[in-house]
Amino acid sequence: MKWRLVCYHAGYTYCGSCAAHAYKQVDPSITRRIFILGPSHHVPLSRCALSSVDIYRTPLYDLRIDQKIYGELWKTGMFERMTLQTDEDEHSIEMHLPYTAKAMESHKDEFTIIPVLVGALSESKEQEFGKLFSKYLADPSNLFVVSSDFCHWGQRFRYSYYDESQGEIYRSIEHLDKMGMSIIEQLDPVSFSNYLKKYHNTICGRHPIGVLLNAITELQKNGMNMSFSFLNYAQSSQCRNWQDSSVSYAAGALTVH
């Protein structure tokens, strides 16, 4: 049984306990490489980008970037390089580093990380990157962390979908998120894309999730049996009126049987 993760990337005060449900599944004794796929918040990207540094520092210890895997990815011609400024500004990968370090602390000299910044990919690009990453996902010594928050609701996010039949606003947000989470659990990238087109839910890691779902689809073609389940869901606050705002968080795990 192998685990792959999907979880938050907000401040720990808001989503730290939610994320812990996912990182609790990590087995440091078998994990040798950790791929961290995070969405780009600050720079426009139509592809994916790799870091230009060798080491990420955390309060616990330094995390080494796997230059061998980076070399393999770079040779495909499908990637660009992040500038140092982009790397420093982006939080979607950064927020996972201390958790990664803590989860792997007992084997801290025995693993590397592969941070990947994921751009605003088209559906066809999500398929291409999914196919590329599928061979790495199939390796039991590789762990994939997919960084994403769920609904960003409120005027400051320019998103205020509200289904009054669900009750108060926060209930509507939860229902909306859990529709998307259910589709992710079905491991169906086309249905997930259709859900996003219909509801425009502000899931900032939708493209990394799309890449993961397409990687899973590729492996399923070869007979690999997998299942996904969400372990925890939370909201930063409960919205009750139009002046409120909130961000939703979810932690889940992909099991490869």
Protein backbone atom coordinates (compact mmCIF):
# COMPACT_ATOMS: atom_id res chain seq x y z
CA MET A 1 0.00 0.00 0.00
CA LYS A 2 1.46 3.35 -1.07
CA TRP A 3 0.22 6.85 -0.36
CA ARG A 4 0.14 10.03 -2.39
CA LEU A 5 -1.15 13.25 -0.86
CA VAL A 6 -3.34 16.20 -1.69
CA CYS A 7 -3.44 19.02 0.84
CA TYR A 8 -3.47 22.71 1.72
CA HIS A 9 -1.01 25.52 1.27
CA ALA A 10 -2.31 28.24 3.56
CA GLY A 11 -1.03 29.48 6.89
CA TYR A 12 -0.64 26.78 9.51
CA THR A 13 -3.01 28.60 11.88
CA TYR A 14 -5.81 27.99 9.41
CA CYS A 15 -5.03 24.59 7.94
CA GLY A 16 -2.18 22.99 9.89
CA SER A 17 -4.34 20.43 11.66
CA CYS A 18 -6.07 19.52 8.39
CA ALA A 19 -2.73 18.92 6.67
CA ALA A 20 -1.53 16.72 9.52
CA HIS A 21 -4.15 14.15 8.54
CA ALA A 22 -2.37 13.70 5.22
CA TYR A 23 1.23 13.78 6.44
CA LYS A 24 0.39 11.20 9.09
CA GLN A 25 0.15 8.70 6.21
CA VAL A 26 3.78 9.16 5.12
CA ASP A 27 6.07 6.15 5.64
CA PRO A 28 9.62 7.54 5.81
CA SER A 29 11.13 4.05 5.71
CA ILE A 30 10.13 3.54 2.05
CA THR A 31 10.04 7.12 0.75
CA ARG A 32 13.14 8.23 -1.14
CA ARG A 33 11.86 11.03 -3.38
CA ILE A 34 9.09 13.55 -2.72
CA PHE A 35 7.52 15.37 -5.66
CA ILE A 36 5.80 18.61 -4.57
CA LEU A 37 3.45 20.04 -7.22
CA GLY A 38 2.21 23.53 -6.40
CA PRO A 39 0.26 26.10 -8.44
CA SER A 40 1.81 29.39 -9.51
CA HIS A 41 0.22 32.38 -7.76
CA HIS A 42 2.52 35.22 -8.84
CA VAL A 43 3.77 34.59 -12.37
CA PRO A 44 1.90 33.48 -15.48
CA LEU A 45 2.99 30.03 -16.62
CA SER A 46 1.58 27.96 -19.45
CA ARG A 47 3.87 25.04 -18.60
CA CYS A 48 5.61 23.82 -15.44
CA ALA A 49 8.78 25.22 -13.91
CA LEU A 50 11.72 23.82 -11.94
CA SER A 51 13.69 25.54 -9.21
CA SER A 52 17.12 27.00 -9.97
CA VAL A 53 18.56 26.17 -6.53
CA ASP A 54 20.01 22.98 -5.03
CA ILE A 55 18.69 23.21 -1.47
CA TYR A 56 15.58 24.46 0.30
CA ARG A 57 16.16 25.48 3.90
CA THR A 58 13.61 24.73 6.61
CA PRO A 59 13.64 25.47 10.37
CA LEU A 60 14.44 21.77 10.90
CA TYR A 61 17.10 20.95 8.30
CA ASP A 62 17.95 21.49 4.64
CA LEU A 63 16.06 19.60 1.93
CA ARG A 64 18.08 18.55 -1.12
CA ILE A 65 16.57 18.90 -4.59
CA ASP A 66 17.06 15.79 -6.71
CA GLN A 67 19.24 17.01 -9.58
CA LYS A 68 19.13 13.63 -11.35
CA ILE A 69 15.34 13.73 -11.63
CA TYR A 70 15.48 17.42 -12.48
CA GLY A 71 17.86 16.53 -15.31
CA GLU A 72 15.43 13.93 -16.65
CA LEU A 73 12.54 16.40 -16.54
CA TRP A 74 14.56 19.20 -18.13
CA LYS A 75 15.56 16.98 -21.06
CA THR A 76 11.90 16.60 -22.05
CA GLY A 77 11.80 20.26 -23.11
CA MET A 78 8.48 20.66 -21.28
CA PHE A 79 9.79 22.77 -18.39
CA GLU A 80 11.17 26.21 -17.72
CA ARG A 81 13.18 27.56 -14.80
CA MET A 82 11.79 29.64 -11.95
CA THR A 83 13.70 32.77 -11.18
CA LEU A 84 15.02 32.99 -7.64
CA GLN A 85 12.51 35.76 -6.95
CA THR A 86 9.60 33.61 -8.15
CA ASP A 87 10.85 30.72 -6.03
CA GLU A 88 11.08 32.91 -2.92
CA ASP A 89 7.68 34.56 -3.49
CA GLU A 90 5.70 31.37 -4.09
CA HIS A 91 4.10 29.81 -1.01
CA SER A 92 2.34 26.79 -2.54
CA ILE A 93 5.51 24.68 -2.37
CA GLU A 94 7.14 26.46 0.57
CA MET A 95 4.32 25.68 3.02
CA HIS A 96 4.90 21.95 2.57
CA LEU A 97 8.62 21.99 3.30
CA PRO A 98 8.54 21.97 7.14
CA TYR A 99 5.88 19.25 7.11
CA THR A 100 7.98 17.22 4.69
CA ALA A 101 11.05 17.68 6.86
CA LYS A 102 9.18 16.65 10.02
CA ALA A 103 7.50 13.63 8.42
CA MET A 104 10.86 12.40 7.07
CA GLU A 105 12.97 13.38 10.10
CA SER A 106 13.88 9.79 11.03
CA HIS A 107 15.37 9.30 7.52
CA LYS A 108 16.49 12.85 6.82
CA ASP A 109 19.67 11.88 4.95
CA GLU A 110 17.94 9.32 2.75
CA PHE A 111 15.56 11.30 0.55
CA THR A 112 15.40 14.15 -1.95
CA ILE A 113 12.64 16.50 -3.11
CA ILE A 114 11.43 17.44 -6.58
CA PRO A 115 9.57 20.78 -6.40
CA VAL A 116 7.51 21.60 -9.51
CA LEU A 117 5.64 24.86 -10.06
CA VAL A 118 2.54 24.13 -12.17
CA GLY A 119 1.17 26.79 -14.49
CA ALA A 120 -2.31 27.42 -15.89
CA LEU A 121 -2.28 24.30 -18.03
CA SER A 122 -4.79 23.49 -20.75
CA GLU A 123 -6.55 20.14 -20.49
CA SER A 124 -4.23 18.72 -23.16
CA LYS A 125 -1.17 19.97 -21.24
CA GLU A 126 -2.50 18.37 -18.04
CA GLN A 127 -2.68 15.11 -19.96
CA GLU A 128 0.87 15.51 -21.26
CA PHE A 129 2.32 16.24 -17.84
CA GLY A 130 0.19 13.51 -16.29
CA LYS A 131 1.64 10.99 -18.72
CA LEU A 132 5.16 12.25 -17.98
CA PHE A 133 4.75 11.99 -14.19
CA SER A 134 2.92 8.66 -14.31
CA LYS A 135 6.14 6.63 -14.42
CA TYR A 136 7.34 8.38 -11.27
CA LEU A 137 3.97 7.92 -9.58
CA ALA A 138 4.21 4.19 -10.25
CA ASP A 139 7.44 3.91 -8.23
CA PRO A 140 6.67 2.92 -4.60
CA SER A 141 9.65 4.92 -3.32
CA ASN A 142 8.18 8.16 -4.71
CA LEU A 143 5.70 10.29 -2.77
CA PHE A 144 3.60 12.94 -4.53
CA VAL A 145 2.36 15.97 -2.62
CA VAL A 146 -0.20 18.02 -4.55
CA SER A 147 -0.62 21.48 -3.06
CA SER A 148 -4.06 23.08 -3.19
CA ASP A 149 -6.62 24.96 -1.18
CA PHE A 150 -10.26 24.60 -2.10
CA CYS A 151 -12.94 27.30 -2.36
CA HIS A 152 -11.85 30.92 -1.89
CA TRP A 153 -15.17 32.62 -1.19
CA GLY A 154 -16.01 36.29 -0.77
CA GLN A 155 -15.75 39.70 -2.41
CA ARG A 156 -11.98 39.85 -2.04
CA PHE A 157 -11.72 36.64 -4.10
CA ARG A 158 -14.36 37.81 -6.62
CA TYR A 159 -16.28 34.60 -6.06
CA SER A 160 -19.64 34.40 -4.33
CA TYR A 161 -21.45 31.29 -5.57
CA TYR A 162 -24.35 30.53 -3.22
CA ASP A 163 -26.88 27.72 -3.40
CA GLU A 164 -29.60 28.86 -0.97
CA SER A 165 -31.07 25.33 -0.82
CA GLN A 166 -28.02 24.28 1.23
CA GLY A 167 -28.77 26.72 4.06
CA GLU A 168 -26.25 29.29 5.24
CA ILE A 169 -23.40 30.37 2.96
CA TYR A 170 -20.75 28.22 4.61
CA ARG A 171 -22.96 25.16 4.10
CA SER A 172 -23.25 26.01 0.41
CA ILE A 173 -19.45 26.33 0.19
CA GLU A 174 -18.99 22.96 1.87
CA HIS A 175 -21.49 21.33 -0.50
CA LEU A 176 -19.72 22.87 -3.50
CA ASP A 177 -16.30 21.71 -2.29
CA LYS A 178 -17.49 18.21 -1.49
CA MET A 179 -18.97 17.85 -4.97
CA GLY A 180 -15.48 18.48 -6.33
CA MET A 181 -13.86 16.25 -3.73
CA SER A 182 -16.23 13.42 -4.66
CA ILE A 183 -15.23 13.75 -8.32
CA ILE A 184 -11.54 13.67 -7.35
CA GLU A 185 -12.22 10.50 -5.39
CA GLN A 186 -13.65 9.01 -8.59
CA LEU A 187 -10.23 9.64 -10.21
CA ASP A 188 -11.87 11.14 -13.30
CA PRO A 189 -9.97 14.10 -14.82
CA VAL A 190 -12.66 14.84 -17.44
CA SER A 191 -15.42 15.06 -14.83
CA PHE A 192 -13.20 17.28 -12.68
CA SER A 193 -12.62 19.64 -15.63
CA ASN A 194 -16.37 19.72 -16.33
CA TYR A 195 -17.09 20.50 -12.67
CA LEU A 196 -14.68 23.45 -12.77
CA LYS A 197 -16.24 24.76 -15.99
CA LYS A 198 -19.74 24.55 -14.50
CA TYR A 199 -19.15 26.02 -11.03
CA HIS A 200 -15.84 27.91 -11.47
CA ASN A 201 -14.87 26.87 -7.95
CA THR A 202 -11.74 28.79 -6.97
CA ILE A 203 -9.58 25.74 -6.29
CA CYS A 204 -6.14 27.26 -6.77
CA GLY A 205 -4.38 23.89 -7.17
CA ARG A 206 -6.80 22.68 -9.84
CA HIS A 207 -4.01 22.25 -12.39
CA PRO A 208 -1.71 20.18 -10.14
CA ILE A 209 -4.79 18.09 -9.24
CA GLY A 210 -5.54 17.72 -12.96
CA VAL A 211 -1.97 16.54 -13.60
CA LEU A 212 -2.26 13.96 -10.81
CA LEU A 213 -5.63 12.69 -12.07
CA ASN A 214 -4.23 12.31 -15.59
CA ALA A 215 -1.18 10.46 -14.24
CA ILE A 216 -3.54 8.09 -12.43
CA THR A 217 -5.57 7.57 -15.60
CA GLU A 218 -2.39 6.64 -17.46
CA LEU A 219 -1.46 4.05 -14.81
CA GLN A 220 -4.98 2.63 -14.73
CA LYS A 221 -4.64 1.86 -18.44
CA ASN A 222 -1.79 -0.45 -17.46
CA GLY A 223 -3.88 -2.24 -14.85
CA MET A 224 -2.69 -0.46 -11.70
CA ASN A 225 -5.36 -0.42 -8.99
CA MET A 226 -5.75 2.81 -7.01
CA SER A 227 -8.26 4.54 -4.78
CA PHE A 228 -8.47 8.04 -3.36
CA SER A 229 -10.15 9.23 -0.19
CA PHE A 230 -10.29 12.58 1.58
CA LEU A 231 -9.31 12.43 5.23
CA ASN A 232 -10.27 15.88 6.49
CA TYR A 233 -12.04 19.09 5.44
CA ALA A 234 -12.02 22.52 7.08
CA GLN A 235 -12.84 26.18 6.45
CA SER A 236 -10.90 29.18 7.74
CA SER A 237 -14.20 30.67 8.98
CA GLN A 238 -17.94 30.18 8.56
CA CYS A 239 -19.40 32.65 6.08
CA ARG A 240 -22.91 33.85 7.01
CA ASN A 241 -23.24 37.11 5.05
CA TRP A 242 -21.92 38.73 1.88
CA GLN A 243 -19.22 40.67 3.74
CA ASP A 244 -17.59 37.48 5.06
CA SER A 245 -14.84 35.53 3.35
CA SER A 246 -13.23 32.12 3.81
CA VAL A 247 -10.82 29.62 2.31
CA SER A 248 -11.46 25.88 2.40
CA TYR A 249 -8.88 23.16 2.99
CA ALA A 250 -8.86 19.43 2.38
CA ALA A 251 -6.41 16.62 3.02
CA GLY A 252 -6.58 13.38 1.10
CA ALA A 253 -4.55 10.36 0.16
CA LEU A 254 -4.22 8.20 -2.92
CA THR A 255 -3.71 4.53 -2.15
CA VAL A 256 -1.95 2.31 -4.67
CA HIS A 257 -2.99 -1.27 -3.97
